[in-house]
């Protein structure tokens, strides 16, 4: 019976270790979807608040209603401002998500500029590297954006395993 338990534990451990990257991806994108949902709820609430301040739409002949959007200048201006605020919230969600650690979801810190324009052939194009404060990885971002997303996430692995391995390899003192 103990053998079956140990076999099932090893299978479950294998499932967890194999699905770790998938779990990290779900957490990363789940946070993004949550932020977008919150921004959408805020935008919808602002639009409902704006609509509550104006009276009902104008009625023309019989059952025909005229929209407020094109006929009322103040309402159209306020809705235009609402659109700008909503677009700004969307931009902030994307910008915040871009500079988060893929493992622990904390903000990346310590921007380091590497490369040089004057020595581009020797050391490469200028980049900015952001580091996770817990050592999970680095985000390398091009300083000049010529095409789409040139961001490169590099995982560092487990920092503690590397440190312990270095201490195990050391010779004992005499």
N, C-alpha and C. Protein backbone atom coordinates (compact mmCIF):
# COMPACT_ATOMS: atom_id res chain seq x y z
N UNK A 1 0.82 -1.19 0.00
CA UNK A 1 0.00 0.00 0.00
C UNK A 1 0.87 1.26 0.00
N UNK A 2 1.97 1.18 0.72
CA UNK A 2 2.87 2.33 0.71
C UNK A 2 3.48 2.55 -0.66
N UNK A 3 3.69 1.48 -1.38
CA UNK A 3 4.26 1.63 -2.71
C UNK A 3 3.30 2.37 -3.64
N UNK A 4 2.00 2.08 -3.55
CA UNK A 4 1.01 2.77 -4.37
C UNK A 4 0.92 4.25 -4.05
N UNK A 5 1.05 4.58 -2.76
CA UNK A 5 1.02 5.98 -2.36
C UNK A 5 2.23 6.71 -2.89
N UNK A 6 3.40 6.09 -2.81
CA UNK A 6 4.61 6.76 -3.31
C UNK A 6 4.56 6.90 -4.82
N UNK A 7 4.00 5.91 -5.51
CA UNK A 7 3.87 6.03 -6.97
C UNK A 7 2.90 7.14 -7.34
N UNK A 8 1.78 7.23 -6.61
CA UNK A 8 0.82 8.29 -6.93
C UNK A 8 1.40 9.65 -6.60
N UNK A 9 2.20 9.74 -5.55
CA UNK A 9 2.82 11.02 -5.22
C UNK A 9 3.82 11.42 -6.30
N UNK A 10 4.55 10.45 -6.81
CA UNK A 10 5.52 10.81 -7.84
C UNK A 10 4.81 11.23 -9.12
N UNK A 11 3.66 10.60 -9.42
CA UNK A 11 2.90 11.02 -10.60
C UNK A 11 2.36 12.43 -10.43
N UNK A 12 1.82 12.72 -9.24
CA UNK A 12 1.29 14.06 -9.01
C UNK A 12 2.41 15.10 -9.00
N UNK A 13 3.56 14.72 -8.45
CA UNK A 13 4.69 15.65 -8.49
C UNK A 13 5.11 15.92 -9.92
N UNK A 14 5.09 14.88 -10.76
CA UNK A 14 5.44 15.07 -12.15
C UNK A 14 4.44 15.98 -12.85
N UNK A 15 3.16 15.82 -12.52
CA UNK A 15 2.14 16.68 -13.13
C UNK A 15 2.36 18.13 -12.72
N UNK A 16 2.64 18.34 -11.43
CA UNK A 16 2.84 19.71 -10.97
C UNK A 16 4.10 20.32 -11.57
N UNK A 17 5.17 19.55 -11.65
CA UNK A 17 6.40 20.12 -12.20
C UNK A 17 6.28 20.36 -13.69
N UNK A 18 5.53 19.51 -14.40
CA UNK A 18 5.36 19.71 -15.84
C UNK A 18 4.41 20.85 -16.14
N UNK A 19 3.44 21.09 -15.28
CA UNK A 19 2.47 22.14 -15.52
C UNK A 19 2.82 23.46 -14.88
N UNK A 20 4.03 23.58 -14.36
CA UNK A 20 4.43 24.81 -13.69
C UNK A 20 4.43 26.01 -14.61
N UNK A 21 4.94 25.83 -15.80
CA UNK A 21 4.96 26.94 -16.76
C UNK A 21 3.54 27.33 -17.16
N UNK A 22 2.69 26.32 -17.31
CA UNK A 22 1.31 26.60 -17.68
C UNK A 22 0.61 27.34 -16.55
N UNK A 23 0.87 26.93 -15.32
CA UNK A 23 0.27 27.59 -14.16
C UNK A 23 0.75 29.03 -14.06
N UNK A 24 2.04 29.27 -14.32
CA UNK A 24 2.55 30.64 -14.29
C UNK A 24 1.89 31.48 -15.37
N UNK A 25 1.69 30.89 -16.56
CA UNK A 25 1.04 31.63 -17.63
C UNK A 25 -0.40 31.97 -17.30
N UNK A 26 -1.09 31.03 -16.65
CA UNK A 26 -2.48 31.28 -16.26
C UNK A 26 -2.54 32.39 -15.23
N UNK A 27 -1.62 32.38 -14.27
CA UNK A 27 -1.61 33.45 -13.27
C UNK A 27 -1.31 34.80 -13.90
N UNK A 28 -0.34 34.82 -14.80
CA UNK A 28 0.07 36.08 -15.44
C UNK A 28 -1.08 36.67 -16.26
N UNK A 29 -1.67 35.85 -17.11
CA UNK A 29 -2.75 36.34 -17.96
C UNK A 29 -4.04 36.51 -17.17
N UNK A 30 -4.23 35.74 -16.11
CA UNK A 30 -5.40 35.92 -15.25
C UNK A 30 -5.39 37.28 -14.57
N UNK A 31 -4.21 37.72 -14.12
CA UNK A 31 -4.09 39.05 -13.53
C UNK A 31 -4.44 40.12 -14.57
N UNK A 32 -3.98 39.92 -15.80
CA UNK A 32 -4.27 40.88 -16.86
C UNK A 32 -5.78 40.95 -17.15
N UNK A 33 -6.42 39.80 -17.22
CA UNK A 33 -7.87 39.77 -17.47
C UNK A 33 -8.61 40.43 -16.31
N UNK A 34 -8.15 40.20 -15.08
CA UNK A 34 -8.76 40.84 -13.92
C UNK A 34 -8.64 42.35 -13.97
N UNK A 35 -7.45 42.84 -14.35
CA UNK A 35 -7.28 44.30 -14.47
C UNK A 35 -8.16 44.88 -15.57
N UNK A 36 -8.26 44.16 -16.70
CA UNK A 36 -9.12 44.64 -17.77
C UNK A 36 -10.58 44.64 -17.34
N UNK A 37 -11.00 43.62 -16.59
CA UNK A 37 -12.38 43.57 -16.10
C UNK A 37 -12.68 44.72 -15.15
N UNK A 38 -11.73 45.01 -14.26
CA UNK A 38 -11.92 46.13 -13.34
C UNK A 38 -11.97 47.46 -14.08
N UNK A 39 -11.10 47.63 -15.06
CA UNK A 39 -11.12 48.87 -15.86
C UNK A 39 -12.43 48.98 -16.65
N UNK A 40 -12.92 47.85 -17.18
CA UNK A 40 -14.19 47.86 -17.91
C UNK A 40 -15.36 48.20 -16.99
N UNK A 41 -15.33 47.68 -15.77
CA UNK A 41 -16.40 47.99 -14.82
C UNK A 41 -16.38 49.47 -14.43
N UNK A 42 -15.19 50.02 -14.25
CA UNK A 42 -15.08 51.44 -13.93
C UNK A 42 -15.58 52.29 -15.09
N UNK A 43 -15.21 51.92 -16.31
CA UNK A 43 -15.67 52.67 -17.49
C UNK A 43 -17.18 52.59 -17.64
N UNK A 44 -17.73 51.39 -17.44
CA UNK A 44 -19.17 51.22 -17.57
C UNK A 44 -19.90 52.03 -16.49
N UNK A 45 -19.37 52.01 -15.28
CA UNK A 45 -19.98 52.80 -14.21
C UNK A 45 -19.94 54.29 -14.50
N UNK A 46 -18.82 54.77 -15.05
CA UNK A 46 -18.74 56.19 -15.43
C UNK A 46 -19.73 56.53 -16.53
N UNK A 47 -19.90 55.65 -17.50
CA UNK A 47 -20.86 55.91 -18.58
C UNK A 47 -22.28 55.93 -18.02
N UNK A 48 -22.61 55.01 -17.13
CA UNK A 48 -23.94 55.01 -16.50
C UNK A 48 -24.15 56.28 -15.69
N UNK A 49 -23.12 56.76 -15.01
CA UNK A 49 -23.21 57.99 -14.24
C UNK A 49 -23.43 59.19 -15.16
N UNK A 50 -22.72 59.22 -16.27
CA UNK A 50 -22.90 60.30 -17.25
C UNK A 50 -24.32 60.28 -17.80
N UNK A 51 -24.82 59.09 -18.13
CA UNK A 51 -26.18 58.99 -18.69
C UNK A 51 -27.24 59.38 -17.67
N UNK A 52 -26.97 59.18 -16.39
CA UNK A 52 -27.97 59.52 -15.37
C UNK A 52 -28.13 61.03 -15.20
N UNK A 53 -27.13 61.82 -15.55
CA UNK A 53 -27.23 63.26 -15.40
C UNK A 53 -28.03 63.93 -16.52
N UNK A 54 -28.17 63.28 -17.64
CA UNK A 54 -28.92 63.86 -18.74
C UNK A 54 -30.34 63.31 -18.75
N UNK A 55 -31.26 64.14 -19.24
CA UNK A 55 -32.65 63.70 -19.31
C UNK A 55 -32.80 62.66 -20.42
N UNK A 56 -33.99 62.11 -20.51
CA UNK A 56 -34.23 61.09 -21.54
C UNK A 56 -34.07 61.70 -22.93
N UNK A 57 -33.81 60.86 -23.93
CA UNK A 57 -33.58 61.37 -25.28
C UNK A 57 -34.79 62.12 -25.84
N UNK A 58 -34.50 62.96 -26.80
CA UNK A 58 -35.56 63.74 -27.44
C UNK A 58 -36.46 62.84 -28.27
N UNK A 59 -37.75 63.15 -28.24
CA UNK A 59 -38.72 62.40 -29.06
C UNK A 59 -39.11 63.25 -30.25
N UNK A 60 -38.99 62.66 -31.40
CA UNK A 60 -39.47 63.32 -32.60
C UNK A 60 -40.84 62.78 -32.94
N UNK A 61 -41.22 62.79 -34.16
CA UNK A 61 -42.55 62.40 -34.60
C UNK A 61 -42.88 60.98 -34.17
N UNK A 62 -43.87 60.85 -33.32
CA UNK A 62 -44.36 59.55 -32.93
C UNK A 62 -43.39 58.77 -32.06
N UNK A 63 -42.94 57.64 -32.56
CA UNK A 63 -42.09 56.74 -31.78
C UNK A 63 -40.60 56.87 -32.10
N UNK A 64 -40.22 57.89 -32.81
CA UNK A 64 -38.82 58.04 -33.22
C UNK A 64 -38.07 58.84 -32.15
N UNK A 65 -36.98 58.25 -31.64
CA UNK A 65 -36.15 58.93 -30.65
C UNK A 65 -34.87 59.41 -31.31
N UNK A 66 -34.45 60.60 -30.97
CA UNK A 66 -33.19 61.14 -31.49
C UNK A 66 -32.08 60.83 -30.49
N UNK A 67 -30.94 60.40 -30.95
CA UNK A 67 -29.84 60.14 -30.02
C UNK A 67 -29.28 61.44 -29.46
N UNK A 68 -28.80 61.39 -28.22
CA UNK A 68 -28.20 62.57 -27.61
C UNK A 68 -26.80 62.82 -28.13
N UNK A 69 -26.14 61.78 -28.58
CA UNK A 69 -24.71 61.88 -28.87
C UNK A 69 -24.39 62.93 -29.92
N UNK A 70 -25.07 62.99 -31.01
CA UNK A 70 -24.71 63.94 -32.06
C UNK A 70 -25.40 65.28 -31.94
N UNK A 71 -26.47 65.38 -31.13
CA UNK A 71 -27.26 66.61 -31.09
C UNK A 71 -26.92 67.51 -29.91
N UNK A 72 -26.49 66.96 -28.81
CA UNK A 72 -26.19 67.72 -27.61
C UNK A 72 -24.67 67.88 -27.50
N UNK A 73 -24.18 69.10 -27.64
CA UNK A 73 -22.74 69.34 -27.66
C UNK A 73 -22.08 69.01 -26.33
N UNK A 74 -22.70 69.37 -25.22
CA UNK A 74 -22.10 69.12 -23.91
C UNK A 74 -22.04 67.60 -23.66
N UNK A 75 -23.12 66.91 -23.96
CA UNK A 75 -23.13 65.45 -23.78
C UNK A 75 -22.08 64.79 -24.66
N UNK A 76 -21.97 65.23 -25.90
CA UNK A 76 -20.97 64.66 -26.82
C UNK A 76 -19.55 64.92 -26.30
N UNK A 77 -19.31 66.10 -25.75
CA UNK A 77 -17.98 66.41 -25.21
C UNK A 77 -17.67 65.55 -23.99
N UNK A 78 -18.66 65.36 -23.12
CA UNK A 78 -18.44 64.55 -21.91
C UNK A 78 -18.20 63.09 -22.29
N UNK A 79 -18.93 62.58 -23.27
CA UNK A 79 -18.71 61.20 -23.73
C UNK A 79 -17.33 61.08 -24.39
N UNK A 80 -16.89 62.12 -25.08
CA UNK A 80 -15.54 62.12 -25.65
C UNK A 80 -14.48 62.05 -24.56
N UNK A 81 -14.68 62.80 -23.48
CA UNK A 81 -13.75 62.73 -22.34
C UNK A 81 -13.80 61.35 -21.68
N UNK A 82 -15.01 60.77 -21.57
CA UNK A 82 -15.14 59.41 -21.03
C UNK A 82 -14.35 58.42 -21.88
N UNK A 83 -14.42 58.57 -23.20
CA UNK A 83 -13.67 57.69 -24.09
C UNK A 83 -12.17 57.82 -23.86
N UNK A 84 -11.68 59.04 -23.68
CA UNK A 84 -10.25 59.24 -23.42
C UNK A 84 -9.84 58.62 -22.09
N UNK A 85 -10.67 58.75 -21.07
CA UNK A 85 -10.37 58.14 -19.77
C UNK A 85 -10.37 56.62 -19.89
N UNK A 86 -11.32 56.06 -20.63
CA UNK A 86 -11.38 54.61 -20.81
C UNK A 86 -10.16 54.10 -21.58
N UNK A 87 -9.75 54.82 -22.61
CA UNK A 87 -8.56 54.43 -23.36
C UNK A 87 -7.31 54.54 -22.49
N UNK A 88 -7.26 55.56 -21.63
CA UNK A 88 -6.14 55.71 -20.70
C UNK A 88 -6.08 54.57 -19.69
N UNK A 89 -7.24 54.12 -19.19
CA UNK A 89 -7.27 52.98 -18.27
C UNK A 89 -6.77 51.71 -18.96
N UNK A 90 -7.18 51.51 -20.20
CA UNK A 90 -6.72 50.35 -20.96
C UNK A 90 -5.21 50.40 -21.16
N UNK A 91 -4.68 51.58 -21.48
CA UNK A 91 -3.24 51.74 -21.67
C UNK A 91 -2.48 51.46 -20.37
N UNK A 92 -3.00 51.95 -19.25
CA UNK A 92 -2.35 51.70 -17.96
C UNK A 92 -2.35 50.22 -17.60
N UNK A 93 -3.43 49.51 -17.94
CA UNK A 93 -3.47 48.06 -17.68
C UNK A 93 -2.38 47.34 -18.47
N UNK A 94 -2.25 47.68 -19.75
CA UNK A 94 -1.25 47.04 -20.59
C UNK A 94 0.15 47.41 -20.14
N UNK A 95 0.38 48.67 -19.82
CA UNK A 95 1.70 49.12 -19.40
C UNK A 95 2.11 48.47 -18.08
N UNK A 96 1.18 48.36 -17.14
CA UNK A 96 1.49 47.73 -15.86
C UNK A 96 1.80 46.25 -16.04
N UNK A 97 1.06 45.58 -16.90
CA UNK A 97 1.27 44.15 -17.11
C UNK A 97 2.60 43.87 -17.78
N UNK A 98 3.02 44.78 -18.62
CA UNK A 98 4.25 44.59 -19.38
C UNK A 98 5.48 44.52 -18.49
N UNK A 99 5.47 45.27 -17.39
CA UNK A 99 6.63 45.32 -16.50
C UNK A 99 6.39 44.55 -15.21
N UNK A 100 5.80 43.36 -15.32
CA UNK A 100 5.59 42.47 -14.17
C UNK A 100 6.38 41.20 -14.37
N UNK A 101 6.80 40.60 -13.26
CA UNK A 101 7.50 39.32 -13.30
C UNK A 101 6.52 38.25 -13.73
N UNK A 102 6.97 37.35 -14.61
CA UNK A 102 6.09 36.29 -15.12
C UNK A 102 5.85 35.21 -14.08
N UNK A 103 6.67 35.16 -13.02
CA UNK A 103 6.55 34.10 -12.01
C UNK A 103 5.77 34.59 -10.79
N UNK A 104 6.23 35.68 -10.17
CA UNK A 104 5.62 36.12 -8.91
C UNK A 104 4.68 37.31 -9.08
N UNK A 105 4.56 37.86 -10.26
CA UNK A 105 3.65 38.96 -10.61
C UNK A 105 3.99 40.27 -9.91
N UNK A 106 5.20 40.40 -9.37
CA UNK A 106 5.62 41.67 -8.78
C UNK A 106 6.18 42.57 -9.87
N UNK A 107 6.19 43.88 -9.58
CA UNK A 107 6.73 44.84 -10.53
C UNK A 107 8.23 44.61 -10.70
N UNK A 108 8.71 44.69 -11.94
CA UNK A 108 10.14 44.57 -12.20
C UNK A 108 10.82 45.88 -11.82
N UNK A 109 12.04 45.78 -11.31
CA UNK A 109 12.74 46.96 -10.81
C UNK A 109 14.14 47.00 -11.37
N UNK A 110 14.86 48.00 -10.92
CA UNK A 110 16.28 48.19 -11.23
C UNK A 110 16.59 48.21 -12.72
N UNK A 111 16.09 49.22 -13.45
CA UNK A 111 16.42 49.29 -14.87
C UNK A 111 17.91 49.55 -15.08
N UNK A 112 18.52 48.72 -15.92
CA UNK A 112 19.95 48.85 -16.22
C UNK A 112 20.08 49.07 -17.72
N UNK A 113 20.78 50.10 -18.09
CA UNK A 113 21.01 50.37 -19.51
C UNK A 113 22.26 49.65 -19.96
N UNK A 114 22.13 48.86 -21.02
CA UNK A 114 23.28 48.15 -21.59
C UNK A 114 23.43 48.55 -23.04
N UNK A 115 24.61 48.38 -23.57
CA UNK A 115 24.86 48.71 -24.96
C UNK A 115 25.17 50.19 -25.13
N UNK A 116 25.55 50.54 -26.35
CA UNK A 116 25.93 51.92 -26.63
C UNK A 116 25.69 52.20 -28.11
N UNK A 117 25.20 53.40 -28.42
CA UNK A 117 25.01 53.75 -29.83
C UNK A 117 26.36 53.94 -30.52
N UNK A 118 27.35 54.48 -29.82
CA UNK A 118 28.64 54.73 -30.46
C UNK A 118 29.44 53.44 -30.64
N UNK A 119 29.18 52.41 -29.85
CA UNK A 119 29.88 51.13 -29.97
C UNK A 119 28.90 50.01 -30.27
N UNK A 120 27.97 50.29 -31.17
CA UNK A 120 26.91 49.35 -31.46
C UNK A 120 27.44 48.06 -32.08
N UNK A 121 28.49 48.13 -32.87
CA UNK A 121 29.02 46.93 -33.51
C UNK A 121 29.75 46.04 -32.50
N UNK A 122 30.31 46.64 -31.45
CA UNK A 122 31.04 45.85 -30.46
C UNK A 122 30.14 45.27 -29.37
N UNK A 123 29.27 46.09 -28.80
CA UNK A 123 28.48 45.65 -27.64
C UNK A 123 26.99 45.52 -27.94
N UNK A 124 26.54 45.84 -29.11
CA UNK A 124 25.14 45.69 -29.47
C UNK A 124 24.34 46.96 -29.27
N UNK A 125 23.10 46.90 -29.78
CA UNK A 125 22.21 48.06 -29.65
C UNK A 125 21.85 48.29 -28.19
N UNK A 126 21.55 49.53 -27.84
CA UNK A 126 21.18 49.83 -26.45
C UNK A 126 19.90 49.12 -26.04
N UNK A 127 19.91 48.58 -24.83
CA UNK A 127 18.76 47.90 -24.25
C UNK A 127 18.59 48.36 -22.82
N UNK A 128 17.40 48.12 -22.31
CA UNK A 128 17.13 48.36 -20.90
C UNK A 128 16.71 47.03 -20.31
N UNK A 129 17.37 46.63 -19.23
CA UNK A 129 17.06 45.36 -18.57
C UNK A 129 16.41 45.64 -17.22
N UNK A 130 15.27 44.99 -16.99
CA UNK A 130 14.58 45.09 -15.70
C UNK A 130 14.72 43.75 -15.00
N UNK A 131 14.90 43.78 -13.68
CA UNK A 131 15.17 42.58 -12.91
C UNK A 131 14.05 42.36 -11.90
N UNK A 132 13.66 41.11 -11.74
CA UNK A 132 12.71 40.75 -10.68
C UNK A 132 13.42 40.87 -9.34
N UNK A 133 12.80 41.50 -8.34
CA UNK A 133 13.48 41.65 -7.05
C UNK A 133 13.75 40.32 -6.34
N UNK A 134 13.06 39.25 -6.72
CA UNK A 134 13.28 37.95 -6.09
C UNK A 134 14.10 37.02 -6.97
N UNK A 135 14.69 37.53 -8.04
CA UNK A 135 15.61 36.76 -8.85
C UNK A 135 14.97 35.75 -9.79
N UNK A 136 13.71 35.94 -10.15
CA UNK A 136 13.06 34.98 -11.05
C UNK A 136 13.48 35.15 -12.50
N UNK A 137 13.88 36.35 -12.89
CA UNK A 137 14.29 36.55 -14.28
C UNK A 137 14.51 38.01 -14.60
N UNK A 138 14.81 38.25 -15.88
CA UNK A 138 15.04 39.61 -16.36
C UNK A 138 14.21 39.85 -17.62
N UNK A 139 13.83 41.09 -17.82
CA UNK A 139 13.13 41.51 -19.03
C UNK A 139 14.06 42.44 -19.79
N UNK A 140 14.42 42.04 -21.01
CA UNK A 140 15.29 42.87 -21.83
C UNK A 140 14.43 43.55 -22.88
N UNK A 141 14.51 44.88 -22.90
CA UNK A 141 13.68 45.68 -23.79
C UNK A 141 14.58 46.56 -24.65
N UNK A 142 14.32 46.58 -25.93
CA UNK A 142 15.09 47.43 -26.83
C UNK A 142 14.81 48.90 -26.51
N UNK A 143 15.86 49.72 -26.59
CA UNK A 143 15.67 51.15 -26.34
C UNK A 143 14.94 51.81 -27.51
N UNK A 144 15.22 51.33 -28.71
CA UNK A 144 14.57 51.85 -29.91
C UNK A 144 13.61 50.79 -30.44
N UNK A 145 12.33 51.13 -30.52
CA UNK A 145 11.32 50.18 -30.97
C UNK A 145 11.06 50.40 -32.46
N UNK A 146 11.66 49.54 -33.29
CA UNK A 146 11.46 49.66 -34.73
C UNK A 146 10.30 48.80 -35.22
N UNK A 147 10.09 47.68 -34.59
CA UNK A 147 8.99 46.80 -34.99
C UNK A 147 8.15 46.51 -33.75
N UNK A 148 7.41 45.43 -33.78
CA UNK A 148 6.52 45.08 -32.68
C UNK A 148 7.24 44.91 -31.36
N UNK A 149 6.71 44.07 -30.52
CA UNK A 149 7.27 43.88 -29.18
C UNK A 149 8.61 43.14 -29.26
N UNK A 150 9.68 43.82 -28.89
CA UNK A 150 11.02 43.23 -28.89
C UNK A 150 11.44 42.84 -27.48
N UNK A 151 10.48 42.62 -26.60
CA UNK A 151 10.81 42.28 -25.22
C UNK A 151 11.20 40.82 -25.13
N UNK A 152 12.20 40.54 -24.32
CA UNK A 152 12.69 39.17 -24.16
C UNK A 152 12.76 38.85 -22.68
N UNK A 153 11.93 37.90 -22.22
CA UNK A 153 11.92 37.47 -20.83
C UNK A 153 12.85 36.29 -20.68
N UNK A 154 13.77 36.37 -19.75
CA UNK A 154 14.72 35.30 -19.50
C UNK A 154 14.57 34.86 -18.05
N UNK A 155 14.21 33.58 -17.86
CA UNK A 155 14.09 33.06 -16.50
C UNK A 155 15.47 32.74 -15.95
N UNK A 156 15.67 33.04 -14.67
CA UNK A 156 16.96 32.81 -14.04
C UNK A 156 17.05 31.45 -13.39
N UNK A 157 15.97 30.76 -13.25
CA UNK A 157 15.99 29.49 -12.54
C UNK A 157 15.88 29.74 -11.04
N UNK A 158 16.14 28.70 -10.28
CA UNK A 158 16.06 28.83 -8.83
C UNK A 158 17.40 29.29 -8.28
N UNK A 159 17.42 30.48 -7.75
CA UNK A 159 18.63 31.09 -7.23
C UNK A 159 19.20 30.29 -6.05
N UNK A 160 18.32 29.76 -5.21
CA UNK A 160 18.77 29.05 -4.01
C UNK A 160 19.43 27.72 -4.37
N UNK A 161 18.95 27.04 -5.40
CA UNK A 161 19.59 25.80 -5.82
C UNK A 161 21.00 26.06 -6.31
N UNK A 162 21.19 27.14 -7.04
CA UNK A 162 22.52 27.48 -7.54
C UNK A 162 23.46 27.81 -6.38
N UNK A 163 22.96 28.55 -5.38
CA UNK A 163 23.80 28.90 -4.24
C UNK A 163 24.16 27.67 -3.41
N UNK A 164 23.19 26.78 -3.21
CA UNK A 164 23.47 25.57 -2.43
C UNK A 164 24.40 24.63 -3.19
N UNK A 165 24.26 24.56 -4.50
CA UNK A 165 25.14 23.71 -5.30
C UNK A 165 26.58 24.22 -5.21
N UNK A 166 26.75 25.53 -5.19
CA UNK A 166 28.10 26.09 -5.09
C UNK A 166 28.71 25.77 -3.73
N UNK A 167 27.91 25.75 -2.68
CA UNK A 167 28.46 25.44 -1.36
C UNK A 167 28.74 23.95 -1.21
N UNK A 168 28.00 23.10 -1.90
CA UNK A 168 28.23 21.66 -1.83
C UNK A 168 29.50 21.26 -2.58
N UNK A 169 29.81 22.00 -3.64
CA UNK A 169 31.00 21.70 -4.44
C UNK A 169 32.29 22.13 -3.75
N UNK A 170 32.19 23.03 -2.82
CA UNK A 170 33.39 23.54 -2.15
C UNK A 170 34.02 22.44 -1.30
N UNK A 171 35.32 22.49 -1.23
CA UNK A 171 36.05 21.49 -0.44
C UNK A 171 35.89 21.80 1.05
N UNK A 172 35.80 20.76 1.88
CA UNK A 172 35.68 21.02 3.33
C UNK A 172 36.99 21.59 3.89
N UNK A 173 36.88 22.41 4.90
CA UNK A 173 38.06 23.02 5.53
C UNK A 173 38.75 22.02 6.42
N UNK A 174 40.05 22.16 6.52
CA UNK A 174 40.84 21.26 7.39
C UNK A 174 41.44 21.99 8.53
